[in-house]
Amino acid sequence: MPELPEVETTRRGLAPHLTGATLSEIHVRQARLRHPPDATALSTLCGQTVRALERRAKYLLMHFDTRTLIVHLGMSGSLRLLPEGEPLRPHDHVVLGFGPQQLVYHDPRRFGGFVLAHTESLPDHALFRHLGPEPLSDALTGDYLYRLSRGRRQGVKPFIMDQRIVVGVGNIYATEALFSSGIRPDRPAGRISRTRYDCLAQAIKAILSAAIEQGGTTLRDFVNGHGKPGYFAQTLQVYGREGTPCPACQRPLRLLRLGGRSSVFCASCQR
């Protein structure tokens, strides 16, 4: 599933090619997505110029002259930039034409989609109004996590994966950050000290930044805007490695279910 690093990688790859480009046409080949694209509404963007590409949480924001196109990649979505006229594949559901190039949205599971919104009201949009801060911003600090965690009995992993607390810390990156900071994923969030939250906040930033630089984590479906996979999976320390030796102490890594997600950890190194 594309997480924050994958969406940011896509944004960085597409921005130099699409910023300043004019949308010439749009074709909705399959509207049955989680966020169904409205072909009539989207057609009003034709003739408008892409002013900027931004990201909020796991959403890609394509700012046009008058409105913003919000793109969500869902569980298996990707955006590829292709030459005009390039043959399309099954599950290529939406095609945006930009003169000699076309942006193709591919989504086998159809959990993503397109939403058109007024740019000036984006902070109050239903998709964004309840979201927490960006994890790579100055707003995410150990003190911030410590203050919001007081009195919480839930495990720290589902706590940091709560999009109302902080956005974009998915299962892979939460698992890796908790290992890096030496914290058990099922330790109650309210029983972690401010000092340990300082370490966790730093680990989240470092791991997400490293994943972005390596193009994201390709486990099944993800490719970036140029159709290339991400390589961060090659550096994962614990995610998906249950039963193998811990890279720090060599004891077997354990697996538990927490908040409906699998969580791999080291019972010796994480407390």
C-alpha atoms as a PDB file:
ATOM      1  CA  MET A   1       0.000   0.000   0.000  1.00  0.00           C
ATOM      2  CA  PRO A   2       1.475   3.382  -0.901  1.00  0.00           C
ATOM      3  CA  GLU A   3       2.397   5.207   2.292  1.00  0.00           C
ATOM      4  CA  LEU A   4       3.684   8.737   2.842  1.00  0.00           C
ATOM      5  CA  PRO A   5       7.183   8.076   1.403  1.00  0.00           C
ATOM      6  CA  GLU A   6       5.707   6.523  -1.739  1.00  0.00           C
ATOM      7  CA  VAL A   7       3.331   9.446  -2.273  1.00  0.00           C
ATOM      8  CA  GLU A   8       6.125  11.953  -1.630  1.00  0.00           C
ATOM      9  CA  THR A   9       8.392  10.061  -4.048  1.00  0.00           C
ATOM     10  CA  THR A  10       5.637  10.241  -6.665  1.00  0.00           C
ATOM     11  CA  ARG A  11       5.186  13.977  -6.060  1.00  0.00           C
ATOM     12  CA  ARG A  12       8.887  14.677  -6.407  1.00  0.00           C
ATOM     13  CA  GLY A  13       9.097  12.656  -9.595  1.00  0.00           C
ATOM     14  CA  LEU A  14       6.100  14.285 -11.269  1.00  0.00           C
ATOM     15  CA  ALA A  15       6.490  17.899 -10.146  1.00  0.00           C
ATOM     16  CA  PRO A  16       9.261  18.927 -12.583  1.00  0.00           C
ATOM     17  CA  HIS A  17       7.259  17.560 -15.524  1.00  0.00           C
ATOM     18  CA  LEU A  18       3.762  18.743 -14.605  1.00  0.00           C
ATOM     19  CA  THR A  19       4.305  22.113 -12.944  1.00  0.00           C
ATOM     20  CA  GLY A  20       3.462  24.715 -15.573  1.00  0.00           C
ATOM     21  CA  ALA A  21       1.865  22.129 -17.879  1.00  0.00           C
ATOM     22  CA  THR A  22      -1.654  22.678 -19.228  1.00  0.00           C
ATOM     23  CA  LEU A  23      -4.274  19.954 -18.992  1.00  0.00           C
ATOM     24  CA  SER A  24      -5.573  19.301 -22.499  1.00  0.00           C
ATOM     25  CA  GLU A  25      -7.947  16.410 -21.892  1.00  0.00           C
ATOM     26  CA  ILE A  26      -9.087  13.902 -19.317  1.00  0.00           C
ATOM     27  CA  HIS A  27     -10.580  10.445 -19.770  1.00  0.00           C
ATOM     28  CA  VAL A  28     -12.272   8.484 -16.987  1.00  0.00           C
ATOM     29  CA  ARG A  29     -12.151   4.861 -18.119  1.00  0.00           C
ATOM     30  CA  GLN A  30     -13.382   3.405 -14.812  1.00  0.00           C
ATOM     31  CA  ALA A  31     -15.283   5.522 -12.297  1.00  0.00           C
ATOM     32  CA  ARG A  32     -15.953   2.768  -9.769  1.00  0.00           C
ATOM     33  CA  LEU A  33     -13.218   3.754  -7.345  1.00  0.00           C
ATOM     34  CA  ARG A  34     -13.397   4.397  -3.610  1.00  0.00           C
ATOM     35  CA  HIS A  35     -13.463   8.122  -4.411  1.00  0.00           C
ATOM     36  CA  PRO A  36     -15.298   8.062  -7.772  1.00  0.00           C
ATOM     37  CA  PRO A  37     -14.006  10.640 -10.271  1.00  0.00           C
ATOM     38  CA  ASP A  38     -16.720  12.914 -11.672  1.00  0.00           C
ATOM     39  CA  ALA A  39     -15.842  13.163 -15.363  1.00  0.00           C
ATOM     40  CA  THR A  40     -18.029  16.221 -15.901  1.00  0.00           C
ATOM     41  CA  ALA A  41     -16.512  18.121 -12.976  1.00  0.00           C
ATOM     42  CA  LEU A  42     -12.968  17.106 -13.885  1.00  0.00           C
ATOM     43  CA  SER A  43     -13.455  18.306 -17.450  1.00  0.00           C
ATOM     44  CA  THR A  44     -13.705  21.874 -16.124  1.00  0.00           C
ATOM     45  CA  LEU A  45      -9.956  21.677 -15.470  1.00  0.00           C
ATOM     46  CA  CYS A  46      -9.168  21.297 -19.171  1.00  0.00           C
ATOM     47  CA  GLY A  47      -7.282  24.338 -20.394  1.00  0.00           C
ATOM     48  CA  GLN A  48      -5.995  25.112 -16.902  1.00  0.00           C
ATOM     49  CA  THR A  49      -2.347  25.028 -15.801  1.00  0.00           C
ATOM     50  CA  VAL A  50      -0.830  23.004 -12.985  1.00  0.00           C
ATOM     51  CA  ARG A  51       0.518  25.609 -10.572  1.00  0.00           C
ATOM     52  CA  ALA A  52       2.036  23.241  -8.007  1.00  0.00           C
ATOM     53  CA  LEU A  53       2.099  19.650  -6.784  1.00  0.00           C
ATOM     54  CA  GLU A  54       1.946  19.204  -3.031  1.00  0.00           C
ATOM     55  CA  ARG A  55       1.290  16.384  -0.594  1.00  0.00           C
ATOM     56  CA  ARG A  56      -0.860  16.273   2.534  1.00  0.00           C
ATOM     57  CA  ALA A  57      -0.612  13.013   4.457  1.00  0.00           C
ATOM     58  CA  LYS A  58      -1.057  10.291   1.795  1.00  0.00           C
ATOM     59  CA  TYR A  59      -2.899  12.581  -0.635  1.00  0.00           C
ATOM     60  CA  LEU A  60      -1.348  14.166  -3.715  1.00  0.00           C
ATOM     61  CA  LEU A  61      -2.609  17.703  -4.328  1.00  0.00           C
ATOM     62  CA  MET A  62      -2.526  18.974  -7.923  1.00  0.00           C
ATOM     63  CA  HIS A  63      -3.210  22.711  -7.790  1.00  0.00           C
ATOM     64  CA  PHE A  64      -4.741  24.156 -10.961  1.00  0.00           C
ATOM     65  CA  ASP A  65      -5.687  27.767 -11.718  1.00  0.00           C
ATOM     66  CA  THR A  66      -9.004  27.670  -9.905  1.00  0.00           C
ATOM     67  CA  ARG A  67      -9.288  24.386  -8.028  1.00  0.00           C
ATOM     68  CA  THR A  68      -7.259  21.510  -6.605  1.00  0.00           C
ATOM     69  CA  LEU A  69      -7.411  17.897  -7.726  1.00  0.00           C
ATOM     70  CA  ILE A  70      -6.911  15.554  -4.763  1.00  0.00           C
ATOM     71  CA  VAL A  71      -5.542  12.153  -5.736  1.00  0.00           C
ATOM     72  CA  HIS A  72      -5.507   9.199  -3.359  1.00  0.00           C
ATOM     73  CA  LEU A  73      -3.553   6.103  -4.395  1.00  0.00           C
ATOM     74  CA  GLY A  74      -5.491   3.753  -2.122  1.00  0.00           C
ATOM     75  CA  MET A  75      -3.990   0.298  -1.622  1.00  0.00           C
ATOM     76  CA  SER A  76      -2.497  -0.354  -5.042  1.00  0.00           C
ATOM     77  CA  GLY A  77      -2.662   2.881  -7.008  1.00  0.00           C
ATOM     78  CA  SER A  78       0.150   4.516  -8.940  1.00  0.00           C
ATOM     79  CA  LEU A  79       0.623   7.426 -11.305  1.00  0.00           C
ATOM     80  CA  ARG A  80       2.832   6.998 -14.377  1.00  0.00           C
ATOM     81  CA  LEU A  81       3.955   9.665 -16.801  1.00  0.00           C
ATOM     82  CA  LEU A  82       3.936   8.291 -20.352  1.00  0.00           C
ATOM     83  CA  PRO A  83       4.297   9.640 -23.897  1.00  0.00           C
ATOM     84  CA  GLU A  84       1.003  10.586 -25.533  1.00  0.00           C
ATOM     85  CA  GLY A  85      -0.519   7.622 -27.308  1.00  0.00           C
ATOM     86  CA  GLU A  86       1.309   4.987 -25.237  1.00  0.00           C
ATOM     87  CA  PRO A  87      -0.874   1.836 -25.095  1.00  0.00           C
ATOM     88  CA  LEU A  88      -2.843   1.564 -21.876  1.00  0.00           C
ATOM     89  CA  ARG A  89      -3.000  -1.479 -19.629  1.00  0.00           C
ATOM     90  CA  PRO A  90      -5.858  -3.110 -17.779  1.00  0.00           C
ATOM     91  CA  HIS A  91      -6.614  -1.159 -14.591  1.00  0.00           C
ATOM     92  CA  ASP A  92      -5.485   2.141 -16.120  1.00  0.00           C
ATOM     93  CA  HIS A  93      -8.599   3.958 -14.923  1.00  0.00           C
ATOM     94  CA  VAL A  94      -7.982   7.684 -15.437  1.00  0.00           C
ATOM     95  CA  VAL A  95      -5.841   9.424 -18.076  1.00  0.00           C
ATOM     96  CA  LEU A  96      -4.911  13.108 -17.907  1.00  0.00           C
ATOM     97  CA  GLY A  97      -3.467  14.502 -21.115  1.00  0.00           C
ATOM     98  CA  PHE A  98      -0.794  17.205 -20.974  1.00  0.00           C
ATOM     99  CA  GLY A  99       0.079  17.742 -24.636  1.00  0.00           C
ATOM    100  CA  PRO A 100       2.870  15.312 -25.578  1.00  0.00           C
ATOM    101  CA  GLN A 101       2.599  13.406 -22.307  1.00  0.00           C
ATOM    102  CA  GLN A 102      -0.141  11.701 -20.348  1.00  0.00           C
ATOM    103  CA  LEU A 103      -0.511  11.000 -16.657  1.00  0.00           C
ATOM    104  CA  VAL A 104      -2.061   7.570 -16.130  1.00  0.00           C
ATOM    105  CA  TYR A 105      -3.694   6.430 -12.899  1.00  0.00           C
ATOM    106  CA  HIS A 106      -3.376   2.654 -12.438  1.00  0.00           C
ATOM    107  CA  ASP A 107      -5.216   0.895  -9.597  1.00  0.00           C
ATOM    108  CA  PRO A 108      -5.984  -2.865  -9.688  1.00  0.00           C
ATOM    109  CA  ARG A 109      -7.881  -2.849  -6.384  1.00  0.00           C
ATOM    110  CA  ARG A 110      -9.690   0.454  -7.029  1.00  0.00           C
ATOM    111  CA  PHE A 111      -9.380   1.777  -3.458  1.00  0.00           C
ATOM    112  CA  GLY A 112      -8.053   5.166  -4.548  1.00  0.00           C
ATOM    113  CA  GLY A 113      -9.711   7.982  -6.414  1.00  0.00           C
ATOM    114  CA  PHE A 114     -10.012  11.624  -7.401  1.00  0.00           C
ATOM    115  CA  VAL A 115     -11.712  14.485  -5.564  1.00  0.00           C
ATOM    116  CA  LEU A 116     -12.050  18.047  -6.863  1.00  0.00           C
ATOM    117  CA  ALA A 117     -11.944  20.781  -4.220  1.00  0.00           C
ATOM    118  CA  HIS A 118     -11.716  24.552  -3.814  1.00  0.00           C
ATOM    119  CA  THR A 119      -8.094  25.389  -3.093  1.00  0.00           C
ATOM    120  CA  GLU A 120      -8.769  28.078  -0.494  1.00  0.00           C
ATOM    121  CA  SER A 121     -10.902  25.731   1.637  1.00  0.00           C
ATOM    122  CA  LEU A 122      -8.588  22.700   1.635  1.00  0.00           C
ATOM    123  CA  PRO A 123      -7.736  22.876   5.372  1.00  0.00           C
ATOM    124  CA  ASP A 124     -11.443  22.532   6.175  1.00  0.00           C
ATOM    125  CA  HIS A 125     -12.112  19.801   3.614  1.00  0.00           C
ATOM    126  CA  ALA A 126     -13.625  16.614   5.045  1.00  0.00           C
ATOM    127  CA  LEU A 127     -10.527  14.632   4.034  1.00  0.00           C
ATOM    128  CA  PHE A 128      -8.149  16.943   5.910  1.00  0.00           C
ATOM    129  CA  ARG A 129      -9.839  18.710   8.789  1.00  0.00           C
ATOM    130  CA  HIS A 130      -9.153  15.989  11.356  1.00  0.00           C
ATOM    131  CA  LEU A 131      -5.601  15.142  10.309  1.00  0.00           C
ATOM    132  CA  GLY A 132      -2.650  15.562  12.642  1.00  0.00           C
ATOM    133  CA  PRO A 133       0.633  17.277  11.757  1.00  0.00           C
ATOM    134  CA  GLU A 134       3.072  16.120   9.098  1.00  0.00           C
ATOM    135  CA  PRO A 135       5.720  13.811  10.583  1.00  0.00           C
ATOM    136  CA  LEU A 136       8.619  15.623   8.906  1.00  0.00           C
ATOM    137  CA  SER A 137       7.480  19.034  10.128  1.00  0.00           C
ATOM    138  CA  ASP A 138       8.658  20.845  13.240  1.00  0.00           C
ATOM    139  CA  ALA A 139       5.254  20.132  14.800  1.00  0.00           C
ATOM    140  CA  LEU A 140       6.161  16.504  15.471  1.00  0.00           C
ATOM    141  CA  THR A 141       8.294  16.458  18.605  1.00  0.00           C
ATOM    142  CA  GLY A 142       8.750  14.163  21.545  1.00  0.00           C
ATOM    143  CA  ASP A 143       6.978  16.695  23.732  1.00  0.00           C
ATOM    144  CA  TYR A 144       3.980  16.724  21.354  1.00  0.00           C
ATOM    145  CA  LEU A 145       3.671  12.917  21.445  1.00  0.00           C
ATOM    146  CA  TYR A 146       4.174  12.855  25.202  1.00  0.00           C
ATOM    147  CA  ARG A 147       1.402  15.392  25.829  1.00  0.00           C
ATOM    148  CA  LEU A 148      -1.141  13.631  23.608  1.00  0.00           C
ATOM    149  CA  SER A 149      -0.322  10.205  25.023  1.00  0.00           C
ATOM    150  CA  ARG A 150      -1.067  10.958  28.667  1.00  0.00           C
ATOM    151  CA  GLY A 151      -3.755   8.678  30.050  1.00  0.00           C
ATOM    152  CA  ARG A 152      -3.855   6.479  26.937  1.00  0.00           C
ATOM    153  CA  ARG A 153      -3.800   2.727  27.489  1.00  0.00           C
ATOM    154  CA  GLN A 154      -3.591   1.715  23.841  1.00  0.00           C
ATOM    155  CA  GLY A 155      -0.309   0.399  22.516  1.00  0.00           C
ATOM    156  CA  VAL A 156       2.161   2.977  21.275  1.00  0.00           C
ATOM    157  CA  LYS A 157       2.141   1.558  17.757  1.00  0.00           C
ATOM    158  CA  PRO A 158      -1.564   2.175  17.046  1.00  0.00           C
ATOM    159  CA  PHE A 159      -1.142   5.526  18.827  1.00  0.00           C
ATOM    160  CA  ILE A 160       1.486   6.791  16.354  1.00  0.00           C
ATOM    161  CA  MET A 161      -0.437   5.251  13.441  1.00  0.00           C
ATOM    162  CA  ASP A 162      -3.544   7.272  14.344  1.00  0.00           C
ATOM    163  CA  GLN A 163      -3.865   9.888  11.574  1.00  0.00           C
ATOM    164  CA  ARG A 164      -5.407  12.290  14.098  1.00  0.00           C
ATOM    165  CA  ILE A 165      -2.155  12.188  16.077  1.00  0.00           C
ATOM    166  CA  VAL A 166       0.324  12.329  13.203  1.00  0.00           C
ATOM    167  CA  VAL A 167      -0.198  11.547   9.535  1.00  0.00           C
ATOM    168  CA  GLY A 168       1.600   9.092   7.312  1.00  0.00           C
ATOM    169  CA  VAL A 169       3.212   6.727   9.836  1.00  0.00           C
ATOM    170  CA  GLY A 170       2.035   3.444   8.317  1.00  0.00           C
ATOM    171  CA  ASN A 171       2.607  -0.090   9.528  1.00  0.00           C
ATOM    172  CA  ILE A 172       6.036  -0.531   7.967  1.00  0.00           C
ATOM    173  CA  TYR A 173       7.475   2.740   9.204  1.00  0.00           C
ATOM    174  CA  ALA A 174       5.915   2.503  12.677  1.00  0.00           C
ATOM    175  CA  THR A 175       7.451  -0.963  13.095  1.00  0.00           C
ATOM    176  CA  GLU A 176      10.883   0.259  12.037  1.00  0.00           C
ATOM    177  CA  ALA A 177      10.760   3.442  14.132  1.00  0.00           C
ATOM    178  CA  LEU A 178       9.785   1.573  17.287  1.00  0.00           C
ATOM    179  CA  PHE A 179      12.648  -0.873  16.808  1.00  0.00           C
ATOM    180  CA  SER A 180      15.077   1.971  16.189  1.00  0.00           C
ATOM    181  CA  SER A 181      13.986   3.709  19.392  1.00  0.00           C
ATOM    182  CA  GLY A 182      13.894   0.511  21.485  1.00  0.00           C
ATOM    183  CA  ILE A 183      10.176   0.653  22.344  1.00  0.00           C
ATOM    184  CA  ARG A 184       7.837  -2.358  22.344  1.00  0.00           C
ATOM    185  CA  PRO A 185       4.885  -1.813  19.984  1.00  0.00           C
ATOM    186  CA  ASP A 186       2.364  -2.933  22.618  1.00  0.00           C
ATOM    187  CA  ARG A 187       3.701  -0.769  25.439  1.00  0.00           C
ATOM    188  CA  PRO A 188       0.872   1.536  26.615  1.00  0.00           C
ATOM    189  CA  ALA A 189       1.326   4.949  25.024  1.00  0.00           C
ATOM    190  CA  GLY A 190       0.610   6.683  28.326  1.00  0.00           C
ATOM    191  CA  ARG A 191       3.462   4.871  30.085  1.00  0.00           C
ATOM    192  CA  ILE A 192       6.279   6.115  27.876  1.00  0.00           C
ATOM    193  CA  SER A 193       8.515   8.925  29.102  1.00  0.00           C
ATOM    194  CA  ARG A 194       9.123  12.230  27.349  1.00  0.00           C
ATOM    195  CA  THR A 195      12.757  11.233  26.749  1.00  0.00           C
ATOM    196  CA  ARG A 196      11.737   8.051  24.986  1.00  0.00           C
ATOM    197  CA  TYR A 197       9.207   9.977  22.910  1.00  0.00           C
ATOM    198  CA  ASP A 198      12.050  12.301  21.901  1.00  0.00           C
ATOM    199  CA  CYS A 199      13.880   9.247  20.528  1.00  0.00           C
ATOM    200  CA  LEU A 200      10.738   7.977  18.809  1.00  0.00           C
ATOM    201  CA  ALA A 201       9.979  11.294  17.111  1.00  0.00           C
ATOM    202  CA  GLN A 202      13.553  11.462  15.824  1.00  0.00           C
ATOM    203  CA  ALA A 203      13.358   7.850  14.605  1.00  0.00           C
ATOM    204  CA  ILE A 204      10.107   8.498  12.730  1.00  0.00           C
ATOM    205  CA  LYS A 205      11.652  11.473  10.944  1.00  0.00           C
ATOM    206  CA  ALA A 206      14.890   9.637  10.127  1.00  0.00           C
ATOM    207  CA  ILE A 207      13.206   6.503   8.794  1.00  0.00           C
ATOM    208  CA  LEU A 208      10.627   8.350   6.701  1.00  0.00           C
ATOM    209  CA  SER A 209      13.352  10.599   5.285  1.00  0.00           C
ATOM    210  CA  ALA A 210      15.505   7.594   4.393  1.00  0.00           C
ATOM    211  CA  ALA A 211      12.540   5.866   2.741  1.00  0.00           C
ATOM    212  CA  ILE A 212      11.808   8.944   0.635  1.00  0.00           C
ATOM    213  CA  GLU A 213      15.415   9.181  -0.498  1.00  0.00           C
ATOM    214  CA  GLN A 214      15.343   5.516  -1.545  1.00  0.00           C
ATOM    215  CA  GLY A 215      12.068   5.854  -3.420  1.00  0.00           C
ATOM    216  CA  GLY A 216       9.702   4.228  -0.933  1.00  0.00           C
ATOM    217  CA  THR A 217       9.142   0.593  -0.030  1.00  0.00           C
ATOM    218  CA  THR A 218       8.024  -1.772  -2.774  1.00  0.00           C
ATOM    219  CA  LEU A 219       6.382  -4.861  -1.279  1.00  0.00           C
ATOM    220  CA  ARG A 220       3.844  -5.610  -3.994  1.00  0.00           C
ATOM    221  CA  ASP A 221       2.236  -2.904  -6.078  1.00  0.00           C
ATOM    222  CA  PHE A 222       3.998   0.412  -5.692  1.00  0.00           C
ATOM    223  CA  VAL A 223       5.914   2.144  -8.461  1.00  0.00           C
ATOM    224  CA  ASN A 224       6.747   5.830  -8.599  1.00  0.00           C
ATOM    225  CA  GLY A 225       5.759   8.390 -11.201  1.00  0.00           C
ATOM    226  CA  HIS A 226       8.193   6.941 -13.728  1.00  0.00           C
ATOM    227  CA  GLY A 227       7.122   3.331 -13.207  1.00  0.00           C
ATOM    228  CA  LYS A 228      10.131   2.472 -11.030  1.00  0.00           C
ATOM    229  CA  PRO A 229       9.958   0.578  -7.715  1.00  0.00           C
ATOM    230  CA  GLY A 230      11.199   1.826  -4.352  1.00  0.00           C
ATOM    231  CA  TYR A 231      14.215   0.270  -2.663  1.00  0.00           C
ATOM    232  CA  PHE A 232      13.760   0.947   1.057  1.00  0.00           C
ATOM    233  CA  ALA A 233      12.549  -2.646   1.550  1.00  0.00           C
ATOM    234  CA  GLN A 234      16.148  -3.762   1.183  1.00  0.00           C
ATOM    235  CA  THR A 235      17.087  -1.918   4.376  1.00  0.00           C
ATOM    236  CA  LEU A 236      14.175  -2.958   6.625  1.00  0.00           C
ATOM    237  CA  GLN A 237      15.456  -4.090  10.020  1.00  0.00           C
ATOM    238  CA  VAL A 238      12.451  -5.958  11.441  1.00  0.00           C
ATOM    239  CA  TYR A 239       9.288  -5.552   9.339  1.00  0.00           C
ATOM    240  CA  GLY A 240       8.344  -8.897   7.773  1.00  0.00           C
ATOM    241  CA  ARG A 241      11.318 -10.664   9.405  1.00  0.00           C
ATOM    242  CA  GLU A 242       9.612 -12.574  12.231  1.00  0.00           C
ATOM    243  CA  GLY A 243      11.596 -15.631  13.326  1.00  0.00           C
ATOM    244  CA  THR A 244      14.862 -14.331  11.935  1.00  0.00           C
ATOM    245  CA  PRO A 245      17.702 -13.072  14.156  1.00  0.00           C
ATOM    246  CA  CYS A 246      17.426  -9.535  15.508  1.00  0.00           C
ATOM    247  CA  PRO A 247      20.005  -7.391  13.697  1.00  0.00           C
ATOM    248  CA  ALA A 248      21.155  -6.029  17.089  1.00  0.00           C
ATOM    249  CA  CYS A 249      21.169  -8.984  19.523  1.00  0.00           C
ATOM    250  CA  GLN A 250      20.623 -12.000  17.211  1.00  0.00           C
ATOM    251  CA  ARG A 251      17.660 -13.317  19.213  1.00  0.00           C
ATOM    252  CA  PRO A 252      14.651 -14.395  17.131  1.00  0.00           C
ATOM    253  CA  LEU A 253      12.262 -11.588  16.270  1.00  0.00           C
ATOM    254  CA  ARG A 254       8.700 -12.091  17.513  1.00  0.00           C
ATOM    255  CA  LEU A 255       5.321 -11.432  15.898  1.00  0.00           C
ATOM    256  CA  LEU A 256       2.180 -10.162  17.597  1.00  0.00           C
ATOM    257  CA  ARG A 257      -1.146  -8.805  16.412  1.00  0.00           C
ATOM    258  CA  LEU A 258      -1.853  -5.272  17.550  1.00  0.00           C
ATOM    259  CA  GLY A 259      -4.725  -3.096  16.410  1.00  0.00           C
ATOM    260  CA  GLY A 260      -5.476  -5.543  13.600  1.00  0.00           C
ATOM    261  CA  ARG A 261      -1.906  -5.296  12.241  1.00  0.00           C
ATOM    262  CA  SER A 262       1.077  -7.628  12.458  1.00  0.00           C
ATOM    263  CA  SER A 263       3.902  -6.227  14.561  1.00  0.00           C
ATOM    264  CA  VAL A 264       7.400  -7.651  14.518  1.00  0.00           C
ATOM    265  CA  PHE A 265       9.694  -6.729  17.398  1.00  0.00           C
ATOM    266  CA  CYS A 266      12.608  -7.856  19.503  1.00  0.00           C
ATOM    267  CA  ALA A 267      11.601  -8.764  23.056  1.00  0.00           C
ATOM    268  CA  SER A 268      15.174  -8.157  24.203  1.00  0.00           C
ATOM    269  CA  CYS A 269      15.956  -4.822  22.528  1.00  0.00           C
ATOM    270  CA  GLN A 270      12.487  -3.262  22.774  1.00  0.00           C
ATOM    271  CA  ARG A 271      11.010  -2.584  26.208  1.00  0.00           C
END
